[in-house]
Protein backbone atom coordinates (compact mmCIF):
# COMPACT_ATOMS: atom_id res chain seq x y z
CA MET A 1 -51.57 35.18 69.40
CA THR A 2 -48.26 35.55 67.08
CA SER A 3 -49.39 34.43 63.49
CA LEU A 4 -46.84 32.64 61.56
CA PRO A 5 -45.17 33.92 58.66
CA LYS A 6 -46.40 33.39 55.11
CA ARG A 7 -44.60 31.03 53.10
CA VAL A 8 -44.98 29.46 49.72
CA PRO A 9 -45.79 26.02 49.88
CA ILE A 10 -42.58 23.77 49.24
CA PRO A 11 -43.39 20.80 46.90
CA LYS A 12 -43.09 17.59 48.34
CA ASN A 13 -39.87 16.51 45.84
CA GLY A 14 -38.48 20.01 46.46
CA VAL A 15 -36.45 22.23 48.99
CA ASP A 16 -36.82 25.17 51.21
CA TYR A 17 -33.66 27.39 50.88
CA ARG A 18 -34.35 28.75 54.35
CA GLU A 19 -31.56 28.22 56.85
CA LYS A 20 -28.93 27.03 53.92
CA ILE A 21 -25.56 27.95 52.89
CA VAL A 22 -25.17 26.67 49.41
CA LEU A 23 -22.93 26.47 46.52
CA ALA A 24 -23.59 28.85 44.30
CA PRO A 25 -23.76 28.40 40.08
CA MET A 26 -20.47 28.58 39.07
CA VAL A 27 -19.38 27.83 34.93
CA ARG A 28 -16.26 25.40 35.15
CA SER A 29 -16.21 25.52 38.95
CA GLY A 30 -19.63 23.84 39.46
CA GLU A 31 -19.55 20.61 37.82
CA LEU A 32 -20.02 17.63 39.81
CA PRO A 33 -16.78 16.59 41.59
CA SER A 34 -16.92 20.51 42.70
CA ARG A 35 -20.45 19.90 44.12
CA LEU A 36 -19.45 16.54 45.85
CA LEU A 37 -16.65 18.47 47.36
CA ALA A 38 -18.87 21.24 48.38
CA LEU A 39 -21.53 19.03 50.11
CA HIS A 40 -18.69 16.69 51.60
CA TYR A 41 -17.61 19.78 53.58
CA GLY A 42 -20.75 21.00 54.59
CA ALA A 43 -22.70 22.62 52.02
CA ASP A 44 -26.78 22.36 52.16
CA LEU A 45 -27.52 22.61 48.90
CA VAL A 46 -25.47 22.95 45.78
CA TRP A 47 -26.49 24.85 42.37
CA GLY A 48 -24.90 23.28 39.21
CA PRO A 49 -23.08 25.68 36.52
CA GLU A 50 -26.03 27.38 34.18
CA THR A 51 -26.93 25.16 31.22
CA VAL A 52 -28.28 26.79 28.34
CA ASP A 53 -31.67 25.76 27.50
CA ARG A 54 -30.85 24.88 23.59
CA SER A 55 -28.05 22.51 24.75
CA LEU A 56 -30.49 20.59 26.82
CA ILE A 57 -33.27 19.73 24.54
CA GLY A 58 -32.81 16.85 22.46
CA THR A 59 -30.25 15.22 24.87
CA THR A 60 -30.36 11.39 26.00
CA ARG A 61 -30.77 10.53 29.87
CA ARG A 62 -28.52 7.76 30.61
CA VAL A 63 -27.70 5.69 33.71
CA ASN A 64 -24.08 5.42 33.95
CA GLU A 65 -24.29 2.17 36.05
CA THR A 66 -20.11 2.21 36.14
CA LEU A 67 -20.06 5.42 37.61
CA LYS A 68 -23.56 5.30 39.34
CA THR A 69 -24.07 8.92 37.44
CA ILE A 70 -27.05 10.14 35.57
CA ASP A 71 -25.27 11.33 32.29
CA PHE A 72 -27.25 13.83 29.85
CA THR A 73 -25.31 13.29 26.33
CA ARG A 74 -25.86 14.55 22.81
CA LEU A 75 -24.29 13.87 19.45
CA PRO A 76 -22.12 16.65 18.54
CA SER A 77 -22.82 19.06 15.44
CA HIS A 78 -20.08 21.20 15.18
CA GLY A 79 -22.62 23.73 13.56
CA ALA A 80 -24.07 21.04 11.06
CA LYS A 81 -27.76 20.38 10.85
CA ASP A 82 -27.36 16.47 11.02
CA PRO A 83 -24.73 15.57 13.34
CA ARG A 84 -22.62 12.49 12.31
CA LYS A 85 -23.95 9.17 13.73
CA ASP A 86 -20.45 7.53 14.18
CA GLN A 87 -19.08 10.44 16.55
CA ALA A 88 -18.75 9.66 20.31
CA GLU A 89 -21.70 11.59 22.22
CA SER A 90 -20.74 14.64 24.22
CA LEU A 91 -21.74 15.17 27.99
CA ILE A 92 -23.66 17.92 28.35
CA TYR A 93 -24.82 17.78 32.02
CA ARG A 94 -23.60 14.65 34.70
CA LEU A 95 -25.39 14.50 38.50
CA HIS A 96 -24.92 11.77 41.02
CA PRO A 97 -28.67 10.85 42.47
CA GLU A 98 -27.44 9.20 45.53
CA ARG A 99 -24.65 11.87 46.42
CA GLU A 100 -26.57 15.35 45.58
CA GLY A 101 -29.77 14.58 43.60
CA ARG A 102 -32.27 15.84 46.40
CA ARG A 103 -29.76 18.50 47.40
CA LEU A 104 -28.97 19.75 43.88
CA VAL A 105 -30.66 22.74 42.04
CA PHE A 106 -30.38 22.76 38.31
CA GLN A 107 -29.89 26.40 37.00
CA ILE A 108 -30.95 27.04 33.32
CA GLY A 109 -29.90 30.00 30.79
CA THR A 110 -33.11 30.93 28.72
CA SER A 111 -34.81 33.77 27.37
CA ASP A 112 -37.97 31.88 26.28
CA PRO A 113 -40.88 30.49 28.27
CA GLU A 114 -41.59 27.53 25.58
CA ARG A 115 -38.06 26.48 25.49
CA ALA A 116 -37.36 27.13 29.38
CA VAL A 117 -40.31 24.61 30.01
CA GLN A 118 -38.99 22.17 27.43
CA ALA A 119 -35.54 22.09 29.17
CA ALA A 120 -36.59 21.78 32.68
CA ARG A 121 -38.85 18.84 31.93
CA VAL A 122 -35.47 17.04 30.61
CA VAL A 123 -33.58 17.30 34.15
CA ALA A 124 -36.52 17.86 36.71
CA ALA A 125 -37.22 14.51 37.42
CA ASP A 126 -33.63 14.19 39.20
CA VAL A 127 -33.23 17.47 40.79
CA ALA A 128 -34.72 19.31 43.73
CA GLY A 129 -35.18 22.50 41.70
CA ILE A 130 -35.11 24.60 38.77
CA ASP A 131 -33.62 27.87 39.02
CA VAL A 132 -33.61 30.82 36.41
CA ASN A 133 -30.20 32.35 35.64
CA ALA A 134 -31.13 35.92 35.45
CA GLY A 135 -28.02 37.46 36.78
CA CYS A 136 -24.95 36.51 34.51
CA PRO A 137 -23.50 39.45 33.09
CA LYS A 138 -21.21 37.66 30.80
CA PRO A 139 -21.48 38.30 26.88
CA PHE A 140 -22.20 34.58 26.17
CA SER A 141 -25.60 34.53 28.39
CA THR A 142 -26.52 38.41 28.05
CA SER A 143 -26.07 38.35 23.92
CA GLY A 144 -28.61 35.53 23.59
CA GLY A 145 -30.99 37.75 25.69
CA MET A 146 -30.49 35.31 29.06
CA GLY A 147 -28.67 36.17 32.14
CA ALA A 148 -28.59 40.04 33.49
CA ALA A 149 -30.17 40.85 29.92
CA LEU A 150 -33.29 39.58 31.52
CA LEU A 151 -33.39 42.36 34.21
CA GLN A 152 -33.97 45.05 31.47
CA THR A 153 -37.19 42.80 30.35
CA PRO A 154 -39.02 42.05 33.45
CA ASP A 155 -42.06 40.87 31.84
CA LYS A 156 -40.15 38.16 30.04
CA LEU A 157 -38.53 36.91 32.89
CA CYS A 158 -41.85 36.91 34.98
CA SER A 159 -43.39 34.63 32.01
CA ILE A 160 -40.61 32.14 32.13
CA LEU A 161 -41.23 32.02 35.90
CA GLU A 162 -44.81 31.69 35.73
CA ALA A 163 -44.51 29.36 32.82
CA LEU A 164 -42.33 26.96 34.85
CA VAL A 165 -44.33 27.16 37.84
CA LYS A 166 -47.25 26.42 36.02
CA GLU A 167 -45.81 23.51 34.08
CA ILE A 168 -42.67 22.10 35.88
CA THR A 169 -44.19 22.27 39.62
CA PRO A 170 -47.45 20.31 39.33
CA GLU A 171 -45.89 17.80 37.03
CA PHE A 172 -42.43 17.00 38.94
CA GLU A 173 -43.50 18.70 42.21
CA ILE A 174 -39.92 20.87 42.51
CA GLY A 175 -39.99 24.37 43.31
CA ILE A 176 -38.48 27.16 40.98
CA SER A 177 -36.24 29.94 41.93
CA VAL A 178 -34.58 32.75 39.98
CA LYS A 179 -31.03 34.27 40.93
CA ILE A 180 -30.80 38.06 39.86
CA ARG A 181 -28.66 41.04 40.52
CA LEU A 182 -29.16 44.44 41.82
CA LEU A 183 -30.68 47.31 39.59
CA GLU A 184 -29.54 50.73 38.89
CA THR A 185 -31.62 52.06 41.89
CA PRO A 186 -33.11 50.77 45.24
CA GLU A 187 -36.69 51.45 43.70
CA LEU A 188 -36.29 49.77 40.58
CA THR A 189 -34.64 46.33 42.53
CA GLU A 190 -37.73 46.70 45.18
CA THR A 191 -40.20 46.75 41.62
CA LEU A 192 -38.59 44.09 40.16
CA VAL A 193 -37.93 41.72 43.32
CA ARG A 194 -42.18 42.50 44.12
CA LYS A 195 -42.95 41.20 40.59
CA LEU A 196 -41.19 38.23 41.08
CA CYS A 197 -42.48 37.03 43.93
CA ALA A 198 -45.52 37.66 42.52
CA THR A 199 -44.97 34.47 40.17
CA GLY A 200 -44.99 31.63 42.48
CA ILE A 201 -41.50 30.99 42.98
CA THR A 202 -40.32 29.62 46.11
CA GLY A 203 -36.80 31.05 46.42
CA LEU A 204 -35.07 34.17 45.09
CA THR A 205 -31.26 34.61 45.33
CA ILE A 206 -29.89 38.24 44.96
CA HIS A 207 -26.40 38.82 44.02
CA CYS A 208 -25.31 42.34 45.48
CA ARG A 209 -23.31 43.95 42.58
CA THR A 210 -25.12 45.38 39.81
CA THR A 211 -24.91 43.93 36.19
CA PRO A 212 -21.63 46.21 35.17
CA MET A 213 -19.76 45.48 38.35
CA ARG A 214 -17.07 43.11 38.58
CA PRO A 215 -16.20 40.40 41.41
CA ARG A 216 -13.28 42.64 42.54
CA GLU A 217 -15.84 45.08 43.28
CA ARG A 218 -17.25 45.41 46.63
CA ALA A 219 -20.60 43.68 46.92
CA ILE A 220 -23.51 46.26 47.92
CA ARG A 221 -25.45 45.24 50.81
CA GLU A 222 -27.36 48.18 51.85
CA GLN A 223 -30.68 47.10 49.90
CA LEU A 224 -30.66 43.81 51.35
CA LYS A 225 -32.85 43.94 54.08
CA MET A 226 -35.25 45.59 52.01
CA ILE A 227 -35.06 42.74 49.61
CA ALA A 228 -35.66 40.42 52.40
CA ASP A 229 -38.79 42.01 53.94
CA ILE A 230 -40.63 41.78 50.34
CA CYS A 231 -39.54 38.12 49.89
CA ARG A 232 -41.00 37.62 53.53
CA GLU A 233 -43.93 39.44 52.89
CA SER A 234 -44.73 37.26 49.88
CA GLY A 235 -43.45 33.87 51.61
CA VAL A 236 -40.49 33.42 49.06
CA ALA A 237 -37.33 32.34 50.34
CA CYS A 238 -34.26 34.87 50.19
CA LEU A 239 -30.70 34.04 49.74
CA MET A 240 -27.74 36.65 49.52
CA ASN A 241 -24.83 36.33 47.33
CA GLY A 242 -21.39 38.28 47.22
CA ASP A 243 -18.28 38.20 49.38
CA VAL A 244 -19.38 35.75 51.46
CA LYS A 245 -16.27 34.08 52.68
CA ASN A 246 -17.29 31.18 55.00
CA ARG A 247 -20.31 29.43 57.01
CA ALA A 248 -19.26 31.45 60.19
CA GLU A 249 -19.59 34.89 58.08
CA ALA A 250 -22.71 33.38 56.24
CA GLU A 251 -24.35 32.95 59.46
CA GLN A 252 -23.54 36.49 60.70
CA LEU A 253 -24.94 38.20 57.65
CA ILE A 254 -28.20 36.08 57.72
CA THR A 255 -28.65 37.54 60.99
CA GLU A 256 -27.84 40.80 60.17
CA TYR A 257 -29.56 41.38 57.19
CA GLY A 258 -32.71 38.97 57.93
CA VAL A 259 -32.19 36.81 54.54
CA ASP A 260 -32.90 33.26 54.81
CA GLY A 261 -29.71 31.86 53.55
CA ALA A 262 -26.79 32.65 51.58
CA MET A 263 -24.35 31.17 48.81
CA ILE A 264 -20.88 31.27 48.42
CA ALA A 265 -18.88 31.33 45.30
CA THR A 266 -15.23 32.53 44.84
CA ALA A 267 -14.19 31.34 48.49
CA ALA A 268 -15.52 28.01 47.22
CA GLU A 269 -13.23 27.40 44.01
CA SER A 270 -10.24 27.58 46.24
CA ASN A 271 -10.92 25.72 49.38
CA SER A 272 -14.64 24.10 49.75
CA SER A 273 -13.60 23.20 53.58
CA CYS A 274 -15.30 27.00 53.61
CA PHE A 275 -18.93 25.07 54.09
CA ARG A 276 -17.39 23.55 57.17
CA SER A 277 -18.03 25.06 60.46
CA GLU A 278 -15.55 26.06 63.02
CA ALA A 279 -16.47 23.34 65.46
CA ASP A 280 -16.35 20.74 62.73
CA GLY A 281 -12.91 21.65 61.85
CA GLY A 282 -12.86 25.02 59.82
CA LEU A 283 -10.88 25.69 56.99
CA ALA A 284 -8.93 22.72 56.09
CA PRO A 285 -5.44 22.58 54.42
CA TRP A 286 -5.29 22.96 50.83
CA ARG A 287 -3.44 19.62 50.48
CA GLU A 288 -6.55 17.78 51.94
CA VAL A 289 -9.04 19.93 49.90
CA ALA A 290 -6.69 18.85 46.56
CA GLU A 291 -6.88 15.19 47.76
CA GLN A 292 -10.46 14.92 48.55
CA TYR A 293 -11.03 16.58 45.00
CA MET A 294 -8.99 14.41 43.23
CA LYS A 295 -10.73 11.24 44.44
CA PHE A 296 -14.10 12.69 43.40
CA CYS A 297 -12.87 13.81 40.07
CA LEU A 298 -11.72 9.80 39.52
CA ASP A 299 -14.90 8.49 40.98
CA VAL A 300 -16.71 9.81 38.35
CA GLU A 301 -14.19 10.43 35.76
CA ASN A 302 -14.60 13.83 35.35
CA ARG A 303 -13.20 15.44 32.00
CA TRP A 304 -9.22 16.23 32.79
CA GLY A 305 -9.37 19.65 31.56
CA ASN A 306 -11.90 20.85 34.28
CA THR A 307 -10.12 18.81 36.98
CA LYS A 308 -6.62 20.67 35.83
CA TYR A 309 -8.86 24.22 36.23
CA LEU A 310 -9.91 23.61 39.78
CA LEU A 311 -6.54 22.25 40.84
CA ASN A 312 -5.01 25.58 39.73
CA HIS A 313 -7.54 27.60 41.86
CA ILE A 314 -7.18 24.93 44.96
CA VAL A 315 -2.99 24.66 44.97
CA PRO A 316 -1.62 28.06 45.81
CA GLY A 317 -0.12 30.12 43.34
CA LYS A 318 3.03 30.86 44.88
CA LEU A 319 4.08 26.93 45.27
CA LEU A 320 6.21 24.67 42.99
CA ALA A 321 3.20 22.36 43.17
CA HIS A 322 1.01 24.96 41.33
CA ASN A 323 3.57 25.12 38.16
CA GLU A 324 3.70 21.41 37.68
CA VAL A 325 -0.10 21.17 38.12
CA THR A 326 -0.36 24.21 35.10
CA SER A 327 2.06 22.00 33.03
CA SER A 328 0.23 18.74 33.62
CA MET A 329 -1.39 16.87 30.75
CA SER A 330 -3.04 13.82 32.43
CA TYR A 331 -4.43 12.31 36.03
CA GLN A 332 -1.22 10.44 36.29
CA GLN A 333 1.22 13.27 35.62
CA ILE A 334 -0.57 14.82 38.82
CA CYS A 335 0.06 11.91 40.89
CA LYS A 336 3.45 12.01 40.14
CA ILE A 337 4.00 15.82 41.30
CA GLU A 338 6.54 15.42 44.08
CA ASN A 339 5.38 16.26 47.73
CA PHE A 340 1.67 16.40 46.25
CA GLY A 341 0.49 13.22 48.17
CA LEU A 342 -1.57 11.62 45.56
CA GLY A 343 0.57 8.66 44.71
CA HIS A 344 -1.86 6.47 46.18
CA PHE A 345 -4.25 6.93 43.49
CA GLU A 346 -1.86 6.18 40.39
CA ALA A 347 -3.51 3.38 39.35
CA ARG A 348 -7.08 4.41 39.24
CA ALA A 349 -5.65 7.66 37.07
CA LYS A 350 -4.44 5.39 34.62
CA GLU A 351 -7.94 3.71 34.50
CA VAL A 352 -9.59 7.31 33.66
CA ASP A 353 -6.70 8.15 31.61
CA ASP A 354 -7.29 5.63 29.16
CA ARG A 355 -11.33 6.07 29.58
CA LEU A 356 -11.05 9.57 28.71
CA GLY A 357 -8.50 8.69 25.82
CA ILE A 358 -5.50 10.57 27.50
CA THR A 359 -2.64 8.40 26.45
CA PRO A 360 0.89 8.89 25.30
CA GLU A 361 -0.14 8.45 21.75
CA THR A 362 -2.60 11.38 22.00
CA LEU A 363 0.50 13.61 22.01
CA SER A 364 1.32 12.84 18.19
CA GLN A 365 -2.33 14.07 17.62
CA GLY A 366 -2.41 17.39 15.95
CA ARG A 367 -0.02 19.69 14.36
CA SER A 368 2.33 20.35 17.16
CA GLY A 369 2.57 16.57 17.88
CA LYS A 370 3.55 15.88 14.13
CA LYS A 371 5.93 18.52 14.45
CA TYR A 372 7.20 16.78 18.00
CA LYS A 373 7.51 13.62 16.09
CA ARG A 374 9.12 15.12 13.00
CA SER A 375 11.56 16.58 15.32
CA MET A 376 12.34 13.60 17.49
CA ALA A 377 12.98 11.81 14.27
CA THR A 378 15.75 14.39 12.75
CA GLY A 379 17.28 15.09 16.09
CA GLY A 380 16.07 18.48 16.72
CA SER A 381 17.30 20.32 19.68
CA GLN A 382 16.12 19.49 23.22
CA SER A 383 14.71 22.96 23.87
CA LYS A 384 12.68 22.99 20.43
CA ILE A 385 11.62 19.48 21.62
CA ARG A 386 10.24 20.55 25.06
CA LYS A 387 8.72 23.33 22.77
CA LEU A 388 6.97 21.28 20.92
CA GLU A 389 5.85 18.93 23.53
CA HIS A 390 4.43 21.73 25.59
CA GLU A 391 2.34 22.55 22.77
CA ALA A 392 1.26 19.48 21.88
CA LYS A 393 0.02 19.30 25.80
CA ASN A 394 -1.67 22.79 25.62
CA ASN A 395 -3.67 21.23 22.72
CA LEU A 396 -4.58 18.11 24.39
CA ALA A 397 -5.78 20.26 27.72
CA GLU A 398 -7.85 22.79 25.32
CA ARG A 399 -9.77 19.77 23.57
CA SER A 400 -10.26 18.02 27.15
CA VAL A 401 -12.03 21.34 28.37
CA GLN A 402 -14.52 21.55 25.35
CA GLU A 403 -15.54 17.79 24.83
CA GLN A 404 -15.43 15.02 26.58
CA PRO A 405 -16.55 11.38 24.81
CA VAL A 406 -18.82 9.65 26.98
CA ALA A 407 -18.47 5.65 26.83
CA ALA A 408 -21.33 3.65 26.30
CA PRO A 409 -23.29 3.17 29.18
CA ALA A 410 -25.12 0.20 30.60
CA VAL A 411 -28.92 1.71 30.35
CA ALA A 412 -30.09 4.63 28.10
CA LEU A 413 -33.42 6.26 28.49
CA ASN A 414 -34.46 8.80 25.77
CA VAL A 415 -36.45 12.01 26.97
C-alpha cells in the first residue's frame, strides 16, 4: 500500500500552491489591474507587489463602495512626525475582494518578526496568504535588511516566518510562505531550504537566480529537483520562478523538475494572456490585452502613472502607438490615439481623469506649467511652447506615479 506524501495542512481560509501557475510579485507591475488581467487570462493565483511592513502599519482599512474595493490608506508624512490632517490620504494598497480576494497572496517586505506580524495583521483577513520577500536584490529592499539580505541572516528569516505562523495562521486561518533566491552553492541552498521548511510554512518559491544575477542572465535550474525533494519531504509546496514564458512551458517544467507549480513574471508584464492554455486560445494580440487592461484600470480608477507604465510594456516598442502612449498624460489622451481602438472608453476615461485630478488646469501647476503659461502669454515660439508643455506633462506623470489621492469612501474601518 503506497503512503500518501506528507503535506503541511492548508488552513481553511488559505490556498494550496500545488498545481498552480501564478503571477509573480512585481513592483509596479503587480498592482490591482495587472492582477485582475492575469486572473482574466487564467492565472490560478496572483501575488501583489512587495509592500514594506512600515508602510502598512498604521493604515486605515476602507471599504470603497464605489469601486467595490478595499483600500488601505494613510496621510502622507513627507518625513514629518505629525502629518497634516488637511491632506488627501495616500493609497498604500488596493485589492478587490470579489474578483481576487481568495486568490491573492500578499507579499510583505520585512526584517523584523514583530513588525511582520503587526503589518500582516492589517491585511490578513482580506487575502489568501502572506508571503515574505526574501529574494528581492534591489537596494531599496536590501538596504533595510529585507529582501535578499535575509538570505544572509537565515536565523532572522526563520524567526520572521515562525512568528507569522504562530500569530497569523491561527488567528486568520491562512498559510505563510516565503520567496527566496539560490545561494552561492547548492550546499548552502540545501541548508537554507531545510531550515525554512521546518518553520511551519505552507509554500516556498525559489527564484532560480542568485542575488547578484540580473533578469537578462539565464535562470539556473540545476538545483530545482533537490529543492523540490526537500520541500516534498517536509510537506511544503514548491513553486519555481525564473524565465517561465507561458502556461505550456510552466507545465513542462513542473513535470521535468518535480516542482508543484510555477510563477510567471516578465512575460506577464507584456502579455498576461501567457497564462492562457493553447486550448483556450493561447497568446492574445496586444491590442486585445491593452483593451482589457484599460477596462480594469478604469474600473478600479488606477493611478495614471502606473497605467501608463504597464501600457508601455504591453504596446510593442516599434509601433507609433508606443510613442504616443509614452507622450500621453491622461486616460482621455490614450483613448484618442489613432488606431488604438480605445475610443469607446472616452466617457469613462474623462470621469476617471476628473476623479484623479487630471484636468487641463493641472498642466499649469508647477514650475514647467508657469513657464508654459508665460510663454503662451508673451507669444513664445511654437517649439518652445511644445517643449514646456512636454515638461509639464512629465511632471504630472511623475506626481501620479508617486502618490494617488483617495476619494472619500462610503465606509471607513480602522485597523
